[in-house]
């Protein structure tokens, strides 16, 4: 007789339990890593003049794809090739000197074993990430990395879960270590990630977002300041000296507060110098827009505009918080 299923919420504690199981499996894999094997794997990948081909079937194939993408984005040419495709023509991408990373929990995956003779003929070194270091795949590999686990996170101990997590962690560790050994810089990384928020944070500069500088002189009357703010619609004007050097900024708020505290009979005496914030925080066109955003936000009182000055201190632009946020940073 079937019984009613338990509410999913009754199993909420299982989520943390499974996370701890997978974390413990990664720790165990780290503890049993053979240093000599790791060194050889790192040498093969970092010294490879060709490509790193990553292969696997099923869930291992999905992990292999992620490892290949991580390698490529961090300075190593990585390509995922499915073993079945390799058997039907895709072996053409494998050249002498390439390195193969083969994933298989059992180490007995038929499709992976089927391509091994062809790989050996092409003098491709094979690094296997396996759950059984005595498997057929391990015996045919140049380097064997132990990704074995005591049990899967699956309550039936069937679905690849813990084993794929450990394999992925090993692949990530290899990629990150090679990246570090090659001295990949933030600029190098940015060159491979030009799109999206990450790429923009590493590449987008103030110069790309700033507006032409709306300038007024120190002795400009309040009405002229109002007209310039309205004309450029940037919420502020830069106050400059005779040489174009930045001396202050008048924002909408500065203008409003000055008018509120000034008797109307004295309006005629108001000028930019009496309304401006002197020696304001400024940025340069070469500064990353993300760093400029931090200048505006990480302060006791947030500001919404930044004057832009060149290396000589000449005021050349105005950067708005609105434009930086709209860029997607």
Protein backbone atom coordinates (compact mmCIF):
# COMPACT_ATOMS: atom_id res chain seq x y z
CA UNK A 1 0.00 0.00 0.00
CA UNK A 2 1.39 3.42 -0.99
CA UNK A 3 1.87 5.97 1.74
CA UNK A 4 1.54 9.73 1.32
CA UNK A 5 4.86 11.40 0.49
CA UNK A 6 6.45 13.61 3.13
CA UNK A 7 6.46 17.35 2.64
CA UNK A 8 9.62 18.58 0.92
CA UNK A 9 10.15 21.02 3.78
CA UNK A 10 10.60 18.04 6.12
CA UNK A 11 13.90 17.35 4.32
CA UNK A 12 15.30 20.89 4.59
CA UNK A 13 18.13 19.75 6.85
CA UNK A 14 19.28 17.32 4.16
CA UNK A 15 20.51 20.17 1.98
CA UNK A 16 23.18 21.20 4.48
CA UNK A 17 24.01 17.55 5.10
CA UNK A 18 24.64 16.95 1.40
CA UNK A 19 26.76 20.09 1.11
CA UNK A 20 28.91 18.86 4.00
CA UNK A 21 29.21 15.43 2.37
CA UNK A 22 30.44 16.92 -0.89
CA UNK A 23 32.80 19.33 0.90
CA UNK A 24 34.23 16.45 2.92
CA UNK A 25 34.79 14.48 -0.28
CA UNK A 26 36.75 17.38 -1.80
CA UNK A 27 38.84 17.64 1.38
CA UNK A 28 39.52 13.90 1.26
CA UNK A 29 40.59 14.17 -2.39
CA UNK A 30 42.98 16.99 -1.48
CA UNK A 31 44.49 14.93 1.36
CA UNK A 32 45.26 11.94 -0.87
CA UNK A 33 46.56 13.87 -3.89
CA UNK A 34 49.86 12.42 -5.02
CA UNK A 35 52.27 15.35 -5.29
CA UNK A 36 54.36 13.77 -8.04
CA UNK A 37 51.27 13.13 -10.17
CA UNK A 38 50.00 16.66 -9.65
CA UNK A 39 53.37 18.12 -10.63
CA UNK A 40 53.48 16.04 -13.80
CA UNK A 41 49.92 17.05 -14.72
CA UNK A 42 50.73 20.73 -14.18
CA UNK A 43 53.93 20.42 -16.24
CA UNK A 44 52.07 18.76 -19.11
CA UNK A 45 49.37 21.46 -19.20
CA UNK A 46 51.60 24.49 -18.67
CA UNK A 47 54.22 23.33 -21.18
CA UNK A 48 51.67 22.30 -23.81
CA UNK A 49 52.26 24.21 -27.05
CA UNK A 50 49.07 22.88 -28.54
CA UNK A 51 45.62 22.33 -27.04
CA UNK A 52 44.25 20.71 -23.94
CA UNK A 53 41.46 18.37 -25.04
CA UNK A 54 38.98 17.52 -22.28
CA UNK A 55 36.69 14.54 -22.76
CA UNK A 56 34.05 12.55 -20.95
CA UNK A 57 30.60 10.98 -21.33
CA UNK A 58 27.32 11.76 -19.60
CA UNK A 59 27.67 13.77 -16.38
CA UNK A 60 31.45 13.50 -16.70
CA UNK A 61 31.08 15.05 -20.15
CA UNK A 62 29.25 18.03 -18.66
CA UNK A 63 32.04 18.49 -16.10
CA UNK A 64 34.61 18.12 -18.89
CA UNK A 65 32.95 20.96 -20.81
CA UNK A 66 33.14 23.24 -17.79
CA UNK A 67 36.82 22.42 -17.21
CA UNK A 68 37.61 23.15 -20.88
CA UNK A 69 35.84 26.52 -20.63
CA UNK A 70 37.67 27.39 -17.41
CA UNK A 71 41.03 26.57 -18.99
CA UNK A 72 40.26 28.70 -22.06
CA UNK A 73 39.09 31.70 -20.05
CA UNK A 74 42.23 31.63 -17.92
CA UNK A 75 44.86 31.52 -20.63
CA UNK A 76 45.06 27.86 -21.70
CA UNK A 77 43.45 26.69 -24.94
CA UNK A 78 40.95 24.06 -23.82
CA UNK A 79 38.52 22.21 -26.09
CA UNK A 80 35.82 19.72 -25.15
CA UNK A 81 35.53 16.76 -27.49
CA UNK A 82 32.90 14.09 -26.92
CA UNK A 83 34.42 10.60 -27.29
CA UNK A 84 31.63 9.48 -29.64
CA UNK A 85 32.24 12.46 -31.90
CA UNK A 86 35.96 11.74 -31.74
CA UNK A 87 35.33 8.25 -33.05
CA UNK A 88 33.46 9.72 -36.01
CA UNK A 89 35.86 12.40 -37.19
CA UNK A 90 36.48 14.85 -34.38
CA UNK A 91 39.80 13.18 -33.63
CA UNK A 92 41.05 15.47 -36.36
CA UNK A 93 41.42 18.26 -33.79
CA UNK A 94 43.98 16.24 -31.82
CA UNK A 95 47.55 16.91 -32.92
CA UNK A 96 50.96 15.71 -31.77
CA UNK A 97 51.84 17.38 -28.50
CA UNK A 98 48.28 18.01 -27.37
CA UNK A 99 47.29 17.05 -23.83
CA UNK A 100 44.16 15.05 -23.05
CA UNK A 101 42.24 15.28 -19.79
CA UNK A 102 39.88 12.30 -19.64
CA UNK A 103 37.13 12.07 -17.03
CA UNK A 104 35.46 8.84 -15.98
CA UNK A 105 34.30 7.89 -12.50
CA UNK A 106 34.50 4.16 -13.21
CA UNK A 107 37.50 4.44 -15.49
CA UNK A 108 35.78 1.87 -17.70
CA UNK A 109 33.67 4.10 -19.96
CA UNK A 110 33.60 2.31 -23.30
CA UNK A 111 33.62 5.43 -25.50
CA UNK A 112 36.61 6.93 -23.66
CA UNK A 113 38.58 3.68 -23.80
CA UNK A 114 37.80 3.34 -27.50
CA UNK A 115 39.67 6.54 -28.40
CA UNK A 116 42.78 5.76 -26.32
CA UNK A 117 44.70 3.88 -29.05
CA UNK A 118 44.19 6.75 -31.50
CA UNK A 119 45.34 9.27 -28.90
CA UNK A 120 48.49 7.30 -28.21
CA UNK A 121 49.31 7.20 -31.94
CA UNK A 122 49.21 11.00 -31.95
CA UNK A 123 51.65 11.25 -29.04
CA UNK A 124 49.03 12.97 -26.92
CA UNK A 125 49.72 12.79 -23.19
CA UNK A 126 46.70 11.64 -21.19
CA UNK A 127 45.77 12.90 -17.74
CA UNK A 128 42.90 10.90 -16.29
CA UNK A 129 40.63 12.08 -13.49
CA UNK A 130 39.08 8.84 -12.29
CA UNK A 131 37.25 7.32 -9.39
CA UNK A 132 39.22 4.07 -9.67
CA UNK A 133 42.99 4.37 -9.93
CA UNK A 134 43.25 0.67 -10.92
CA UNK A 135 40.84 1.04 -13.85
CA UNK A 136 41.53 0.46 -17.54
CA UNK A 137 41.63 4.19 -18.22
CA UNK A 138 44.07 4.79 -15.38
CA UNK A 139 46.41 2.08 -16.67
CA UNK A 140 46.52 3.71 -20.11
CA UNK A 141 47.14 7.23 -18.79
CA UNK A 142 50.38 9.14 -18.34
CA UNK A 143 49.08 10.75 -15.17
CA UNK A 144 46.32 9.55 -12.87
CA UNK A 145 44.50 11.89 -10.49
CA UNK A 146 42.38 10.18 -7.85
CA UNK A 147 38.80 11.50 -7.75
CA UNK A 148 37.29 8.58 -5.85
CA UNK A 149 34.52 9.11 -3.30
CA UNK A 150 33.10 6.92 -0.56
CA UNK A 151 29.50 7.56 -1.60
CA UNK A 152 27.40 9.71 -3.85
CA UNK A 153 25.13 12.38 -2.39
CA UNK A 154 22.24 10.56 -4.03
CA UNK A 155 20.18 8.71 -1.38
CA UNK A 156 20.31 5.64 -3.65
CA UNK A 157 24.08 6.09 -4.09
CA UNK A 158 23.50 6.02 -7.85
CA UNK A 159 23.23 9.49 -9.42
CA UNK A 160 26.66 11.05 -10.11
CA UNK A 161 26.81 13.89 -7.58
CA UNK A 162 29.71 13.81 -5.14
CA UNK A 163 31.95 12.17 -7.74
CA UNK A 164 31.29 14.88 -10.35
CA UNK A 165 31.80 17.61 -7.74
CA UNK A 166 35.23 16.22 -6.85
CA UNK A 167 36.20 15.86 -10.53
CA UNK A 168 35.17 19.45 -11.20
CA UNK A 169 37.11 20.70 -8.17
CA UNK A 170 40.25 18.91 -9.37
CA UNK A 171 39.85 20.41 -12.85
CA UNK A 172 39.35 23.88 -11.40
CA UNK A 173 42.40 23.46 -9.18
CA UNK A 174 44.57 22.49 -12.15
CA UNK A 175 43.31 25.44 -14.23
CA UNK A 176 43.79 27.97 -11.45
CA UNK A 177 47.27 26.72 -10.61
CA UNK A 178 48.39 26.88 -14.25
CA UNK A 179 46.86 30.37 -14.50
CA UNK A 180 48.90 31.50 -11.50
CA UNK A 181 52.11 29.88 -12.75
CA UNK A 182 51.76 31.73 -16.05
CA UNK A 183 51.35 35.06 -14.27
CA UNK A 184 47.99 35.87 -15.84
CA UNK A 185 47.05 39.43 -14.88
CA UNK A 186 43.67 41.09 -14.39
CA UNK A 187 44.17 42.78 -17.78
CA UNK A 188 44.84 39.41 -19.42
CA UNK A 189 41.73 37.98 -17.79
CA UNK A 190 39.67 40.98 -18.89
CA UNK A 191 40.78 40.49 -22.50
CA UNK A 192 39.06 37.09 -22.43
CA UNK A 193 35.91 38.47 -20.76
CA UNK A 194 35.00 41.67 -22.65
CA UNK A 195 31.25 41.30 -22.18
CA UNK A 196 29.04 41.21 -19.12
CA UNK A 197 29.52 42.84 -15.78
CA UNK A 198 32.85 41.19 -15.08
CA UNK A 199 34.39 42.33 -18.36
CA UNK A 200 33.08 45.85 -17.96
CA UNK A 201 34.48 46.18 -14.47
CA UNK A 202 37.91 45.23 -15.79
CA UNK A 203 37.89 47.22 -19.04
CA UNK A 204 35.38 50.09 -19.08
CA UNK A 205 37.05 53.44 -18.37
CA UNK A 206 35.79 56.84 -17.30
CA UNK A 207 36.66 58.21 -20.75
CA UNK A 208 34.02 55.95 -22.30
CA UNK A 209 31.24 57.31 -20.10
CA UNK A 210 32.12 60.92 -19.32
CA UNK A 211 30.43 63.97 -20.84
CA UNK A 212 32.14 67.03 -22.26
CA UNK A 213 32.97 69.34 -19.38
CA UNK A 214 30.35 72.05 -18.66
CA UNK A 215 32.58 74.86 -17.37
CA UNK A 216 31.96 78.23 -15.74
CA UNK A 217 34.37 80.77 -14.33
CA UNK A 218 34.55 81.56 -10.61
CA UNK A 219 32.94 84.95 -11.12
CA UNK A 220 30.01 83.61 -13.17
CA UNK A 221 26.73 84.91 -11.69
CA UNK A 222 24.14 82.54 -10.26
CA UNK A 223 21.84 82.96 -13.27
CA UNK A 224 24.65 81.98 -15.65
CA UNK A 225 25.31 78.91 -13.48
CA UNK A 226 21.61 77.99 -13.69
CA UNK A 227 21.63 78.37 -17.47
CA UNK A 228 24.74 76.17 -17.85
CA UNK A 229 23.30 73.44 -15.62
CA UNK A 230 20.06 73.51 -17.63
CA UNK A 231 21.89 73.58 -20.96
CA UNK A 232 23.97 70.46 -20.31
CA UNK A 233 21.41 68.56 -18.19
CA UNK A 234 24.13 66.87 -16.14
CA UNK A 235 23.11 68.14 -12.72
CA UNK A 236 26.30 70.15 -12.20
CA UNK A 237 28.91 72.44 -13.74
CA UNK A 238 32.65 72.50 -13.19
CA UNK A 239 34.23 75.73 -11.99
CA UNK A 240 37.58 76.41 -13.65
CA UNK A 241 40.33 79.04 -13.57
CA UNK A 242 41.64 80.98 -16.57
CA UNK A 243 43.85 78.03 -17.60
CA UNK A 244 40.98 75.54 -17.45
CA UNK A 245 42.15 74.01 -14.19
CA UNK A 246 39.51 72.63 -11.85
CA UNK A 247 38.84 74.74 -8.77
CA UNK A 248 35.35 73.62 -7.77
CA UNK A 249 31.97 72.18 -8.74
CA UNK A 250 28.43 73.51 -8.42
CA UNK A 251 25.71 70.86 -8.31
CA UNK A 252 21.94 71.25 -8.38
CA UNK A 253 22.03 70.75 -4.63
CA UNK A 254 24.69 73.43 -4.09
CA UNK A 255 22.66 75.89 -6.13
CA UNK A 256 19.42 75.12 -4.32
CA UNK A 257 20.92 75.31 -0.84
CA UNK A 258 22.69 78.59 -1.58
CA UNK A 259 19.51 80.22 -2.89
CA UNK A 260 17.49 78.93 0.09
CA UNK A 261 19.83 80.55 2.62
CA UNK A 262 20.36 83.80 0.71
CA UNK A 263 18.11 86.83 1.01
CA UNK A 264 16.61 87.66 -2.42
CA UNK A 265 18.03 91.15 -2.14
CA UNK A 266 21.53 89.63 -2.26
CA UNK A 267 21.01 87.37 -5.27
CA UNK A 268 22.89 89.76 -7.52
CA UNK A 269 26.07 89.16 -5.52
CA UNK A 270 25.94 85.37 -5.83
CA UNK A 271 28.49 83.77 -8.13
CA UNK A 272 29.97 80.36 -8.79
CA UNK A 273 32.74 80.86 -6.24
CA UNK A 274 30.22 81.48 -3.45
CA UNK A 275 28.18 78.39 -4.34
CA UNK A 276 30.81 75.82 -5.32
CA UNK A 277 32.37 72.94 -3.42
CA UNK A 278 36.08 73.78 -3.55
CA UNK A 279 38.74 71.21 -4.49
CA UNK A 280 36.20 68.48 -5.25
CA UNK A 281 37.05 64.81 -5.62
CA UNK A 282 37.91 64.21 -9.27
CA UNK A 283 38.78 61.32 -11.54
CA UNK A 284 40.92 60.84 -14.62
CA UNK A 285 39.80 59.52 -18.03
CA UNK A 286 42.00 56.42 -17.72
CA UNK A 287 40.50 55.33 -14.40
CA UNK A 288 38.27 52.26 -14.52
CA UNK A 289 34.63 53.28 -14.34
CA UNK A 290 34.13 50.74 -11.56
CA UNK A 291 36.82 52.43 -9.46
CA UNK A 292 35.18 55.80 -10.10
CA UNK A 293 31.91 54.30 -8.92
CA UNK A 294 33.59 53.33 -5.66
CA UNK A 295 34.84 56.92 -5.28
CA UNK A 296 31.28 58.16 -5.52
CA UNK A 297 29.66 55.55 -3.31
CA UNK A 298 32.18 54.57 -0.63
CA UNK A 299 32.07 57.79 1.36
CA UNK A 300 30.00 59.20 4.23
CA UNK A 301 27.92 61.32 1.84
CA UNK A 302 27.34 59.83 -1.61
CA UNK A 303 28.00 62.05 -4.62
CA UNK A 304 26.40 61.69 -8.03
CA UNK A 305 28.91 63.50 -10.28
CA UNK A 306 32.69 63.56 -10.63
CA UNK A 307 34.76 66.13 -12.52
CA UNK A 308 37.25 64.54 -14.91
CA UNK A 309 40.75 66.07 -15.19
CA UNK A 310 43.72 65.19 -17.36
CA UNK A 311 47.31 64.68 -16.18
CA UNK A 312 47.86 68.45 -16.19
CA UNK A 313 44.84 69.09 -13.97
CA UNK A 314 42.81 70.59 -16.83
CA UNK A 315 39.10 69.93 -16.46
CA UNK A 316 37.93 67.91 -19.48
CA UNK A 317 34.69 66.23 -18.48
CA UNK A 318 32.01 65.26 -16.02
CA UNK A 319 31.05 61.72 -15.02
CA UNK A 320 27.58 60.97 -13.68
CA UNK A 321 26.70 58.14 -11.31
CA UNK A 322 23.61 57.57 -13.47
CA UNK A 323 25.72 56.77 -16.53
CA UNK A 324 28.01 54.41 -14.64
CA UNK A 325 25.06 52.46 -13.21
CA UNK A 326 23.31 52.39 -16.58
CA UNK A 327 26.42 50.86 -18.17
CA UNK A 328 25.74 47.68 -16.21
CA UNK A 329 28.57 47.76 -13.66
